[in-house]
Protein backbone atom coordinates (compact mmCIF):
# COMPACT_ATOMS: atom_id res chain seq x y z
CA MET A 1 44.61 14.72 39.43
CA SER A 2 43.42 17.78 37.57
CA SER A 3 40.17 19.38 38.60
CA THR A 4 37.96 21.42 36.30
CA PRO A 5 40.27 23.95 34.62
CA GLN A 6 39.65 27.52 35.72
CA GLN A 7 40.92 30.77 34.32
CA PHE A 8 42.12 33.02 37.14
CA GLY A 9 43.55 36.28 35.87
CA ASP A 10 46.53 35.41 33.70
CA TYR A 11 46.75 31.88 35.12
CA HIS A 12 45.09 28.55 34.41
CA LEU A 13 44.31 26.68 37.66
CA LEU A 14 44.97 22.97 37.20
CA GLU A 15 44.21 21.42 40.59
CA LYS A 16 43.69 22.36 44.22
CA ILE A 17 46.66 21.24 46.31
CA ALA A 18 45.52 22.26 49.78
CA THR A 19 43.21 24.45 51.82
CA GLY A 20 44.48 26.10 54.99
CA GLY A 21 43.04 28.40 57.59
CA MET A 22 43.68 31.50 55.53
CA ALA A 23 44.13 30.50 51.90
CA GLU A 24 43.64 27.82 49.29
CA VAL A 25 46.53 26.64 47.14
CA TYR A 26 46.42 25.57 43.49
CA ARG A 27 48.88 24.14 41.02
CA ALA A 28 48.64 26.46 38.04
CA ARG A 29 50.01 27.17 34.59
CA ALA A 30 51.24 30.59 33.47
CA TYR A 31 51.61 31.73 29.87
CA GLY A 32 54.13 34.01 28.22
CA LEU A 33 55.41 35.10 24.84
CA ALA A 34 56.18 32.64 22.03
CA GLY A 35 54.30 29.79 23.69
CA PHE A 36 56.25 30.01 26.97
CA GLU A 37 54.53 28.15 29.82
CA LYS A 38 55.41 27.60 33.47
CA ILE A 39 53.96 25.47 36.25
CA LEU A 40 53.68 27.35 39.55
CA VAL A 41 51.49 27.69 42.64
CA ILE A 42 48.66 30.17 43.14
CA LYS A 43 47.80 30.86 46.77
CA LYS A 44 44.65 32.91 47.19
CA VAL A 45 42.72 34.17 50.21
CA LEU A 46 39.70 32.07 51.09
CA PRO A 47 36.47 33.68 49.84
CA SER A 48 35.12 33.72 53.40
CA LEU A 49 38.05 35.94 54.46
CA ALA A 50 38.16 38.20 51.41
CA THR A 51 36.68 41.11 53.41
CA ASP A 52 38.57 40.44 56.67
CA GLU A 53 41.05 43.31 56.92
CA GLU A 54 43.33 41.56 59.42
CA PHE A 55 43.74 38.44 57.27
CA ILE A 56 44.31 40.56 54.18
CA ARG A 57 47.06 42.43 56.03
CA LEU A 58 48.65 39.13 57.06
CA PHE A 59 48.46 37.84 53.50
CA ILE A 60 50.03 40.99 52.07
CA ASP A 61 52.73 40.97 54.74
CA GLU A 62 53.54 37.35 53.92
CA ALA A 63 54.15 38.35 50.31
CA LYS A 64 56.16 41.44 51.32
CA ILE A 65 58.40 39.30 53.52
CA ALA A 66 58.81 36.36 51.15
CA VAL A 67 59.48 38.48 48.06
CA ARG A 68 62.57 39.91 49.79
CA LEU A 69 63.96 36.41 50.36
CA HIS A 70 65.60 35.19 47.16
CA HIS A 71 67.36 32.06 48.37
CA VAL A 72 67.70 28.53 47.04
CA ASN A 73 66.22 27.11 50.27
CA ILE A 74 63.17 29.39 50.39
CA VAL A 75 60.08 29.02 48.21
CA GLN A 76 60.10 32.05 45.94
CA VAL A 77 57.17 34.44 45.60
CA PHE A 78 56.83 35.87 42.10
CA GLU A 79 53.84 38.14 42.38
CA LEU A 80 51.17 39.62 44.67
CA ASP A 81 48.00 40.87 43.00
CA GLU A 82 44.24 40.60 43.05
CA VAL A 83 41.57 39.37 40.64
CA ASN A 84 38.05 40.67 41.12
CA GLY A 85 38.88 41.69 44.67
CA GLN A 86 40.48 38.33 45.58
CA TYR A 87 44.12 38.63 46.67
CA TYR A 88 46.58 35.99 45.52
CA MET A 89 50.27 35.16 45.40
CA ALA A 90 52.08 33.38 42.57
CA GLN A 91 54.77 31.12 44.07
CA GLU A 92 57.41 28.60 43.06
CA TYR A 93 56.10 25.03 42.62
CA VAL A 94 58.12 22.38 44.49
CA HIS A 95 57.47 18.91 43.09
CA GLY A 96 57.78 16.59 46.07
CA LEU A 97 56.56 16.07 49.65
CA ASP A 98 56.56 18.08 52.83
CA LEU A 99 58.78 16.68 55.55
CA ALA A 100 55.82 15.53 57.65
CA ARG A 101 54.51 13.30 54.87
CA LEU A 102 57.99 12.02 54.04
CA VAL A 103 58.61 10.98 57.65
CA SER A 104 55.17 9.36 57.91
CA ARG A 105 55.68 7.32 54.75
CA ALA A 106 59.21 6.29 55.77
CA LYS A 107 58.22 4.92 59.21
CA ASN A 108 58.10 1.32 58.05
CA ARG A 109 61.78 1.60 57.02
CA GLY A 110 62.92 2.14 60.60
CA GLN A 111 64.53 5.24 62.07
CA PHE A 112 65.17 8.24 59.85
CA PRO A 113 68.82 8.18 58.66
CA ILE A 114 70.98 10.50 60.75
CA PRO A 115 72.98 11.89 57.77
CA LEU A 116 69.78 12.82 55.90
CA ALA A 117 68.18 14.34 58.99
CA LEU A 118 71.25 16.53 59.51
CA TYR A 119 71.36 17.45 55.81
CA VAL A 120 67.71 18.58 55.88
CA ILE A 121 68.27 20.61 59.05
CA CYS A 122 71.38 22.25 57.57
CA GLU A 123 69.45 23.32 54.48
CA VAL A 124 66.73 24.85 56.67
CA LEU A 125 69.40 26.61 58.75
CA LYS A 126 70.81 28.16 55.58
CA ALA A 127 67.37 29.56 54.79
CA LEU A 128 66.84 30.84 58.34
CA SER A 129 70.28 32.43 58.50
CA PHE A 130 69.54 34.29 55.29
CA ALA A 131 66.08 35.41 56.46
CA HIS A 132 67.21 36.45 59.96
CA GLU A 133 70.09 38.56 58.62
CA ARG A 134 68.17 40.19 55.75
CA ARG A 135 68.27 43.98 55.50
CA ASP A 136 66.30 46.48 53.44
CA ASP A 137 67.76 48.64 50.68
CA ASP A 138 68.85 51.23 53.23
CA GLY A 139 70.73 48.69 55.32
CA ARG A 140 68.19 48.49 58.14
CA ALA A 141 67.64 45.04 59.66
CA LEU A 142 64.28 43.57 58.71
CA ARG A 143 64.32 41.35 61.83
CA ILE A 144 62.37 38.57 60.09
CA VAL A 145 61.25 35.63 62.23
CA HIS A 146 59.43 32.78 60.47
CA CYS A 147 57.36 31.79 63.55
CA ASP A 148 56.01 28.57 61.98
CA ILE A 149 58.96 26.24 61.42
CA SER A 150 57.46 22.74 61.40
CA PRO A 151 57.68 19.57 59.28
CA GLN A 152 54.63 20.72 57.28
CA ASN A 153 56.47 23.88 56.17
CA VAL A 154 59.67 22.14 55.07
CA LEU A 155 59.33 20.94 51.48
CA VAL A 156 61.53 18.19 50.02
CA SER A 157 61.56 17.81 46.25
CA TYR A 158 62.07 14.60 44.30
CA ALA A 159 65.41 16.09 43.21
CA GLY A 160 66.55 16.36 46.84
CA GLU A 161 66.00 20.10 47.28
CA VAL A 162 64.92 21.43 50.70
CA LYS A 163 62.90 24.65 50.92
CA ILE A 164 60.95 26.38 53.68
CA THR A 165 57.59 27.89 52.86
CA ASP A 166 54.61 29.69 54.43
CA PHE A 167 55.68 33.01 55.91
CA GLY A 168 51.98 33.63 56.64
CA ILE A 169 52.50 34.39 60.34
CA SER A 170 56.09 35.65 60.14
CA ARG A 171 57.15 38.78 61.94
CA ALA A 172 59.21 41.63 60.55
CA ALA A 173 60.21 45.10 61.66
CA PHE A 174 57.91 46.88 59.21
CA GLN A 175 54.72 45.22 60.48
CA ALA A 176 52.19 46.87 62.76
CA LYS A 177 52.81 45.96 66.42
CA SER A 178 49.20 44.79 66.76
CA LEU A 179 49.98 41.84 64.49
CA HIS A 180 52.80 40.80 66.85
CA ASP A 181 50.48 40.69 69.86
CA VAL A 182 48.44 37.76 68.49
CA ILE A 183 49.72 34.18 68.97
CA ARG A 184 49.44 32.14 65.76
CA GLY A 185 50.98 28.89 64.61
CA LYS A 186 51.34 25.27 65.70
CA TYR A 187 51.71 25.17 69.48
CA ALA A 188 53.70 21.90 69.46
CA TYR A 189 56.48 23.64 67.47
CA MET A 190 56.52 27.00 69.27
CA SER A 191 59.21 28.33 71.56
CA PRO A 192 58.37 29.14 75.21
CA GLU A 193 58.54 32.86 74.48
CA GLN A 194 56.23 32.46 71.49
CA VAL A 195 53.43 30.72 73.43
CA ASP A 196 53.71 33.48 76.05
CA GLY A 197 53.35 36.24 73.44
CA LYS A 198 56.75 37.76 74.19
CA ALA A 199 59.08 39.55 71.79
CA LEU A 200 60.71 37.14 69.32
CA ASP A 201 63.95 36.97 67.40
CA GLY A 202 65.68 34.31 65.31
CA ARG A 203 66.38 32.16 68.36
CA SER A 204 62.67 31.28 68.47
CA ASP A 205 62.97 29.70 65.02
CA ILE A 206 66.07 27.82 66.22
CA PHE A 207 64.04 26.32 69.07
CA SER A 208 61.29 25.26 66.64
CA LEU A 209 63.88 23.66 64.34
CA GLY A 210 65.38 21.88 67.34
CA ILE A 211 61.98 20.26 67.91
CA VAL A 212 61.95 19.13 64.28
CA LEU A 213 65.46 17.66 64.62
CA PHE A 214 64.59 15.86 67.88
CA GLU A 215 61.48 14.30 66.29
CA LEU A 216 63.30 13.36 63.09
CA LEU A 217 65.97 11.44 64.99
CA THR A 218 63.85 9.86 67.74
CA GLY A 219 60.57 9.29 65.89
CA ARG A 220 58.73 10.73 68.94
CA ARG A 221 56.73 13.93 69.39
CA LEU A 222 58.47 16.21 71.86
CA PHE A 223 55.74 18.49 73.24
CA LYS A 224 52.53 17.38 71.52
CA ALA A 225 49.82 16.37 74.01
CA LYS A 226 46.15 15.41 73.84
CA THR A 227 44.96 18.94 74.55
CA ARG A 228 46.14 22.38 73.50
CA ASP A 229 46.58 23.53 77.10
CA GLU A 230 48.79 20.56 77.98
CA THR A 231 50.85 21.09 74.82
CA ILE A 232 51.39 24.74 75.77
CA ALA A 233 52.32 23.72 79.33
CA ARG A 234 54.93 21.29 78.00
CA VAL A 235 56.40 23.96 75.73
CA ARG A 236 56.62 26.42 78.64
CA ARG A 237 58.46 23.84 80.79
CA ALA A 238 60.73 22.97 77.83
CA GLU A 239 61.74 19.71 79.48
CA VAL A 240 63.64 17.74 76.84
CA PRO A 241 64.52 14.08 77.45
CA SER A 242 67.82 12.70 76.26
CA PRO A 243 67.62 11.87 72.52
CA ARG A 244 70.16 9.10 73.18
CA GLY A 245 67.65 7.44 75.46
CA TYR A 246 65.46 6.83 72.40
CA ARG A 247 68.26 6.37 69.89
CA PRO A 248 71.65 5.16 71.16
CA ASP A 249 73.47 5.84 67.87
CA VAL A 250 72.99 9.58 68.44
CA SER A 251 76.41 10.72 69.66
CA ALA A 252 76.99 12.79 72.77
CA ASP A 253 78.11 15.70 70.59
CA LEU A 254 74.97 15.56 68.46
CA GLU A 255 72.83 15.37 71.59
CA HIS A 256 74.59 18.48 72.89
CA ILE A 257 73.66 20.37 69.67
CA ILE A 258 70.02 19.29 69.96
CA LEU A 259 69.74 20.22 73.64
CA LYS A 260 71.44 23.58 73.08
CA SER A 261 68.94 24.48 70.34
CA LEU A 262 66.14 23.53 72.77
CA ALA A 263 67.28 25.56 75.77
CA ALA A 264 64.26 26.99 77.61
CA ARG A 265 65.68 30.53 77.66
CA PRO A 266 66.77 32.18 74.38
CA GLU A 267 70.16 33.18 75.79
CA GLY A 268 70.97 29.51 76.36
CA ARG A 269 70.48 28.62 72.67
CA TYR A 270 72.58 29.26 69.61
CA ALA A 271 72.72 32.99 69.05
CA THR A 272 72.31 32.57 65.29
CA ALA A 273 71.30 29.93 62.77
CA ALA A 274 74.77 30.26 61.24
CA GLN A 275 76.39 29.11 64.51
CA MET A 276 74.20 26.01 64.69
CA LEU A 277 74.87 25.31 61.02
CA GLU A 278 78.63 25.49 61.62
CA ASP A 279 78.47 23.09 64.58
CA ILE A 280 76.41 20.53 62.65
CA GLY A 281 78.72 20.82 59.64
CA VAL A 282 81.80 20.15 61.77
CA LEU A 283 80.07 17.22 63.46
CA MET A 284 79.04 15.67 60.13
CA VAL A 285 82.62 15.73 58.91
CA ARG A 286 84.03 14.43 62.21
CA GLU A 287 81.49 11.60 62.52
CA GLY A 288 81.36 10.75 58.82
CA HIS A 289 77.68 11.61 58.24
CA ARG A 290 77.54 11.99 54.47
CA GLY A 291 74.39 13.69 53.23
CA THR A 292 73.81 15.33 49.84
CA ASN A 293 70.84 16.30 47.72
CA ASN A 294 71.47 13.15 45.64
CA ASP A 295 71.28 11.01 48.77
CA LEU A 296 68.06 12.70 49.82
CA SER A 297 66.62 12.36 46.32
CA ALA A 298 67.36 8.62 46.29
CA PHE A 299 65.77 8.24 49.73
CA VAL A 300 62.59 10.09 48.70
CA ARG A 301 62.29 7.99 45.54
CA SER A 302 62.79 4.75 47.45
CA VAL A 303 60.15 5.74 50.03
CA VAL A 304 57.63 6.55 47.29
CA GLU A 305 58.43 3.35 45.40
CA ASP A 306 58.17 1.23 48.57
CA GLU A 307 54.76 2.69 49.28
CA ARG A 308 53.70 1.89 45.73
CA ALA A 309 54.97 -1.69 46.14
CA ARG A 310 53.02 -2.10 49.39
CA THR A 311 49.90 -0.92 47.62
CA GLN A 312 50.50 -3.44 44.87
CA ARG A 313 50.96 -6.24 47.41
CA ARG A 314 47.66 -5.31 49.02
CA GLN A 315 46.12 -5.62 45.58
CA GLY A 316 47.77 -8.99 44.97
CA GLN A 317 44.45 -10.79 44.98
CA LEU A 318 43.20 -8.71 42.02
CA GLU A 319 43.47 -10.02 38.47
CA PRO A 320 46.25 -8.56 36.25
CA SER A 321 45.03 -7.10 32.98
CA SER A 322 46.58 -5.09 30.17
CA VAL A 323 45.46 -1.46 30.03
CA VAL A 324 46.10 1.55 27.85
CA VAL A 325 45.56 4.84 29.64
CA VAL A 326 45.04 8.26 28.04
CA ALA A 327 45.04 11.36 30.23
CA CYS A 328 44.11 14.56 28.44
CA GLU A 329 43.33 18.16 29.22
CA ALA A 330 42.23 21.13 27.12
CA PHE A 331 43.32 24.60 28.03
CA PRO A 332 42.66 28.02 26.50
CA PRO A 333 45.23 29.57 24.19
CA PRO A 334 47.15 32.67 25.28
CA ARG A 335 45.00 35.76 25.57
CA THR A 336 46.55 37.21 22.44
CA LEU A 337 44.74 34.61 20.32
CA SER A 338 41.05 34.41 19.49
CA ALA A 339 38.57 33.17 22.06
CA PRO A 340 37.52 29.47 21.99
CA ARG A 341 34.53 28.58 19.81
CA LYS A 342 33.09 26.00 22.21
CA SER A 343 32.78 25.66 25.95
CA LEU A 344 34.91 23.07 27.74
CA ALA A 345 31.72 21.16 28.59
CA GLN A 346 30.80 20.94 24.90
CA LEU A 347 34.31 19.82 23.99
CA SER A 348 34.21 17.12 26.68
CA GLN A 349 30.98 15.78 25.20
CA GLU A 350 32.66 15.53 21.80
CA TRP A 351 35.60 13.68 23.38
CA ALA A 352 33.23 11.26 25.11
CA GLY A 353 31.60 10.46 21.76
CA LEU A 354 34.97 9.61 20.21
CA VAL A 355 35.85 7.37 23.16
CA SER A 356 32.49 5.61 23.11
CA GLU A 357 32.75 4.83 19.40
CA SER A 358 36.18 3.26 19.97
CA GLY A 359 35.14 0.99 22.83
CA GLY A 360 37.11 2.90 25.46
CA GLU A 361 35.93 3.62 29.00
CA VAL A 362 35.83 7.09 30.56
CA TRP A 363 37.00 6.57 34.14
CA GLU A 364 37.20 10.23 35.17
CA GLN A 365 35.77 13.33 33.54
CA SER A 366 35.17 16.99 34.19
CA ASP A 367 34.89 19.94 31.85
CA GLY A 368 38.06 19.96 29.77
CA THR A 369 39.81 16.98 31.35
CA MET A 370 39.40 13.22 31.00
CA LEU A 371 41.00 9.91 31.91
CA VAL A 372 40.23 7.13 29.41
CA CYS A 373 41.13 3.41 29.59
CA TRP A 374 41.08 0.50 27.18
CA VAL A 375 41.07 -2.67 29.31
CA GLY A 376 41.98 -6.19 28.23
CA GLY A 377 42.28 -7.47 24.70
CA GLU A 378 45.40 -7.51 22.57
CA LEU A 379 47.73 -4.72 23.74
CA ARG A 380 48.90 -3.65 20.30
CA GLU A 381 45.35 -3.31 19.02
CA SER A 382 44.19 -1.36 22.10
CA LEU A 383 47.21 0.91 21.87
CA SER A 384 46.58 1.63 18.19
CA THR A 385 42.98 2.51 18.99
CA ALA A 386 44.03 4.76 21.88
CA VAL A 387 46.53 6.64 19.73
CA ASN A 388 43.95 7.14 16.96
CA VAL A 389 41.39 8.45 19.45
CA THR A 390 43.99 10.77 21.02
CA LEU A 391 44.83 12.28 17.62
CA ALA A 392 41.11 12.68 16.86
CA MET A 393 40.66 14.43 20.22
CA LYS A 394 43.58 16.71 19.39
CA HIS A 395 41.99 17.77 16.09
CA ALA A 396 38.60 18.30 17.78
CA THR A 397 40.26 20.39 20.47
CA GLN A 398 42.07 22.58 17.94
CA ARG A 399 38.87 23.10 15.94
CA SER A 400 37.18 24.28 19.13
CA GLY A 401 39.88 26.88 19.75
CA TYR A 402 41.77 25.12 22.56
CA ARG A 403 45.11 23.35 22.93
CA LEU A 404 45.42 19.72 24.02
CA SER A 405 47.91 18.15 26.38
CA ALA A 406 47.79 14.35 26.50
CA GLY A 407 49.76 11.32 27.62
CA VAL A 408 49.32 7.73 26.39
CA ALA A 409 50.65 4.95 28.64
CA PRO A 410 50.24 1.19 28.07
CA GLY A 411 50.74 -1.07 31.06
CA VAL A 412 49.35 -3.71 33.37
CA ALA A 413 46.98 -3.21 36.30
CA ARG A 414 45.26 -5.55 38.72
CA LEU A 415 41.52 -5.07 38.29
CA ASP A 416 38.69 -6.23 40.46
CA PRO A 417 36.76 -8.85 38.44
CA VAL A 418 33.43 -7.27 39.39
CA SER A 419 34.01 -3.51 39.37
CA ARG A 420 36.75 -3.69 36.71
CA ARG A 421 38.65 -1.04 38.63
CA PRO A 422 42.01 -1.23 40.47
CA GLY A 423 42.23 -1.09 44.25
CA GLU A 424 42.65 1.97 46.46
CA GLY A 425 45.35 4.41 45.42
CA TRP A 426 45.34 3.42 41.74
CA GLU A 427 45.29 7.07 40.61
CA LEU A 428 48.97 7.51 41.56
CA ALA A 429 50.22 4.14 40.38
CA GLY A 430 51.69 2.68 37.20
CA PRO A 431 50.32 3.77 33.82
CA PHE A 432 47.66 5.97 35.44
CA TYR A 433 50.26 8.19 37.11
CA LEU A 434 52.55 8.09 34.08
CA ALA A 435 49.79 9.15 31.68
CA ARG A 436 48.98 12.17 33.85
CA TRP A 437 52.64 13.07 34.22
CA MET A 438 53.14 12.96 30.44
CA MET A 439 49.96 14.99 29.96
CA ASN A 440 51.41 17.83 32.03
CA LEU A 441 54.75 17.61 30.20
CA SER A 442 53.11 17.62 26.76
CA ALA A 443 51.52 21.00 27.43
CA HIS A 444 54.89 22.58 26.71
CA ARG A 445 55.15 20.95 23.28
CA GLY A 446 51.58 20.83 21.99
CA ARG A 447 51.79 17.16 20.97
CA PRO A 448 50.60 14.02 22.79
CA LEU A 449 53.35 11.97 24.42
CA LEU A 450 53.86 8.20 24.34
CA THR A 451 56.11 5.88 26.35
CA GLU A 452 59.00 3.98 24.77
CA VAL A 453 57.08 0.69 25.09
CA GLY A 454 54.18 2.22 23.19
CA ALA A 455 56.45 3.76 20.58
CA ARG A 456 58.00 0.39 19.73
CA GLN A 457 54.50 -0.93 19.05
CA MET A 458 53.35 2.09 17.03
CA GLU A 459 56.33 3.35 15.05
CA LYS A 460 55.19 1.66 11.81
CA GLU A 461 51.58 2.85 12.06
CA HIS A 462 51.88 6.45 13.23
CA GLY A 463 54.28 9.35 13.01
CA VAL A 464 56.25 8.81 16.21
CA ALA A 465 59.27 11.00 16.95
CA VAL A 466 61.62 10.69 19.89
CA LEU A 467 61.39 13.60 22.32
CA GLY A 468 64.35 12.60 24.44
CA ARG A 469 65.49 11.20 27.75
CA ILE A 470 63.42 12.88 30.43
CA SER A 471 64.06 12.96 34.19
CA ILE A 472 61.27 11.61 36.40
CA LEU A 473 61.44 11.45 40.20
CA GLY A 474 64.92 12.94 40.43
CA ASN A 475 67.64 10.70 38.96
CA ARG A 476 65.31 8.25 37.21
CA TYR A 477 65.00 8.69 33.43
CA ILE A 478 62.59 7.46 30.77
CA ASN A 479 62.53 7.88 26.99
CA LEU A 480 59.45 9.65 25.65
CA TYR A 481 58.07 10.02 22.14
CA GLU A 482 55.74 12.53 20.46
CA ILE A 483 52.75 11.42 18.40
CA GLY A 484 51.70 13.18 15.23
């Protein structure tokens, strides 16, 4: 859901994705020549740390490391800069889930599929092999170690891509030694040498990834305990139970790979990520574990859809009702054009007046963004009203010096008879999610978007033109139409 739009340097911040210990992360839109626009991520240092020299050094080093790593399995960093003294990075946006959330949401389906677990691990190994072997322009080894390999830092897109992110505590040869003397990261995913503050190389990342693989296959935490001290003690002992004891369909050869990656001493592990990758690849062929990005994409989609179905079942006691949802957002034109003539707050007030006159309900609102619903009644009539209001909002937005992105989605929702609102989680379900998704897509075209169901109802009353067959959630496609 979009928060209040903010201008940050050359970027338009759309929503806050997360806040960590060092930075806050936003989904953002960038502008270019000839109306070019791109969705990306802006990661900026927390205001409370803006004057902390050590955190600024870590942040800059993260960018210096990541910008050298152009690889399909590593989240790309486009830019490091500062706005009014606040450092930020512009990064690739990965539309999907991190591995931790994917595993959590898939628990009700049983054990994580072995072929997909191995595919994910192989993709991470490709990224680590590239990072560990990276050299500078003069051929000197950069000796990069990620130091924070964990399910939270493995991103899985709806298209089945796997990418590692967050080099915030990584180590490299060019860093000051003082930064290497401080232990940072998630203790439950550290290697024994990392928790003891010893010198690290790529084998430490291999140990961390071995923990991830063990937990993926067994569904059990390996070293996590109730207290930090006990977690650290378990990591130091590096006592790993047999994965086959928790999951009998793990073969002896696969168990050997897992245990080798989790050897207590670095010299007992795989010497390189490439060696571990080769062993897993051979095993997958020998044991018939087929895993591709299409398989992973289908799994992610099915997990998300199952969760949506469970939510709908929980809402089964609510009354079904027809709804038409309009999600809209105003954003400033490129800097080369004249400044807006109204504030976003003033424009939102004008929008609210148009909605009120039409009988619509404003369910969510902040300066420059709004979610509007028409509930009940005859669907065709409500849809016609919603389209008319959307076009009126577009004209009002243009007169005020902004551009409008909007999505119009008719559908059915189960509403509480008293509150007239859906149950928990409605924001990411059905027409509410679809309207927001179309709103973001329409920003690239400058015209409101309408679903195929809506277009069939409206084609005789409004200028509706087919946009095309658009991919949503990987291999699923829908037909969209432009209004006006």
